[in-house]
Protein backbone atom coordinates (compact mmCIF):
# COMPACT_ATOMS: atom_id res chain seq x y z
CA MET A 1 9.40 -3.07 -10.56
CA SER A 2 9.66 -2.72 -6.80
CA ARG A 3 6.66 -2.52 -4.51
CA VAL A 4 7.74 0.56 -2.57
CA CYS A 5 5.79 3.77 -1.94
CA GLU A 6 7.85 6.71 -3.19
CA TYR A 7 6.49 9.04 -0.49
CA SER A 8 6.19 6.96 2.68
CA GLY A 9 8.69 4.20 1.87
CA LYS A 10 6.12 1.54 2.67
CA ARG A 11 7.20 -1.87 1.37
CA PRO A 12 6.11 -5.53 1.67
CA ARG A 13 6.33 -6.97 5.18
CA VAL A 14 7.15 -10.61 5.93
CA GLY A 15 5.52 -12.78 8.58
CA ASN A 16 4.20 -16.23 9.32
CA LYS A 17 0.87 -17.84 8.54
CA VAL A 18 0.16 -20.05 11.56
CA VAL A 19 -2.34 -22.91 11.28
CA ARG A 20 -3.78 -24.13 14.58
CA ARG A 21 -6.00 -27.01 15.58
CA GLY A 22 -8.07 -27.61 18.68
CA LYS A 23 -10.23 -25.49 20.95
CA ALA A 24 -8.74 -22.73 23.10
CA LYS A 25 -8.65 -23.27 26.86
CA ARG A 26 -10.62 -20.10 27.53
CA GLU A 27 -13.41 -21.51 25.35
CA GLY A 28 -13.56 -24.78 27.29
CA GLY A 29 -11.10 -26.90 25.31
CA ILE A 30 -7.82 -28.51 26.25
CA GLY A 31 -5.67 -26.04 24.29
CA GLN A 32 -4.56 -25.36 20.76
CA ASN A 33 -1.78 -27.06 18.83
CA VAL A 34 0.21 -25.42 16.03
CA THR A 35 0.16 -27.77 13.03
CA GLY A 36 1.88 -25.67 10.40
CA ILE A 37 3.86 -22.46 9.91
CA SER A 38 4.55 -21.01 6.47
CA LYS A 39 5.92 -17.68 5.30
CA ARG A 40 3.65 -14.99 3.84
CA ARG A 41 3.91 -11.36 2.72
CA TRP A 42 1.72 -8.34 3.34
CA LYS A 43 1.85 -6.09 0.29
CA PRO A 44 1.14 -2.35 0.46
CA ASN A 45 -1.81 -0.99 -1.51
CA LEU A 46 0.19 0.88 -4.17
CA GLN A 47 -1.36 2.89 -6.99
CA ARG A 48 0.40 4.51 -9.97
CA ILE A 49 -0.80 8.10 -10.22
CA ARG A 50 0.24 11.29 -12.00
CA VAL A 51 1.55 13.95 -9.63
CA VAL A 52 2.46 17.61 -10.12
CA ASP A 53 5.73 18.40 -8.34
CA GLU A 54 6.82 21.78 -6.92
CA ASN A 55 8.30 22.82 -10.32
CA GLY A 56 4.95 22.25 -12.06
CA ARG A 57 6.12 19.16 -13.95
CA VAL A 58 3.95 16.05 -14.17
CA HIS A 59 5.36 12.59 -13.55
CA ARG A 60 4.10 9.18 -12.51
CA VAL A 61 4.81 7.82 -9.06
CA LYS A 62 3.82 4.78 -7.03
CA VAL A 63 1.99 5.88 -3.91
CA CYS A 64 0.21 3.92 -1.18
CA ALA A 65 -3.54 4.44 -0.85
CA ARG A 66 -3.18 6.00 2.61
CA TYR A 67 -1.22 8.94 1.17
CA ILE A 68 -3.74 9.39 -1.65
CA LYS A 69 -6.60 9.58 0.88
CA ALA A 70 -4.65 12.00 3.09
CA GLY A 71 -4.07 14.35 0.12
CA LYS A 72 -0.31 14.69 0.70
CA PHE A 73 0.28 15.93 -2.88
CA THR A 74 -1.54 17.46 -5.86
CA LYS A 75 -2.74 15.11 -8.55
CA ALA A 76 -2.22 16.15 -12.17
CA PRO A 77 -5.27 17.10 -14.25
CA ARG A 78 -6.20 14.59 -16.94
CA GLY A 79 -5.60 15.32 -20.63
CA ARG A 80 -3.22 17.62 -22.48
CA ALA A 81 -5.74 20.45 -23.02
CA ARG A 82 -6.36 20.77 -19.30
CA GLN A 83 -2.62 20.84 -18.61
CA ALA A 84 -2.15 23.73 -21.03
CA ALA A 85 -5.10 25.61 -19.50
CA ALA A 86 -3.84 25.02 -15.98
CA SER A 87 -0.36 26.35 -16.75
CA GLU A 88 -1.68 29.64 -18.25
């Protein structure tokens, strides 16, 4: 199961977690020293939601929270009775 948004293509990003020690020069210290660097990942905020496509069919997709908030698509109504009522 991949962590990729099916609309925006947003995926996990890779970077470094940097651990420092000491007081910064601008704060009156003698400078900072890097004591450790380790890899880390930033994961997108993905949600599995039911979406109605342009043909009127309902299917599940993984979408990032930013696209849900922006309202880039129409969410499917919940329950089978509501689906039947909506299609009539």
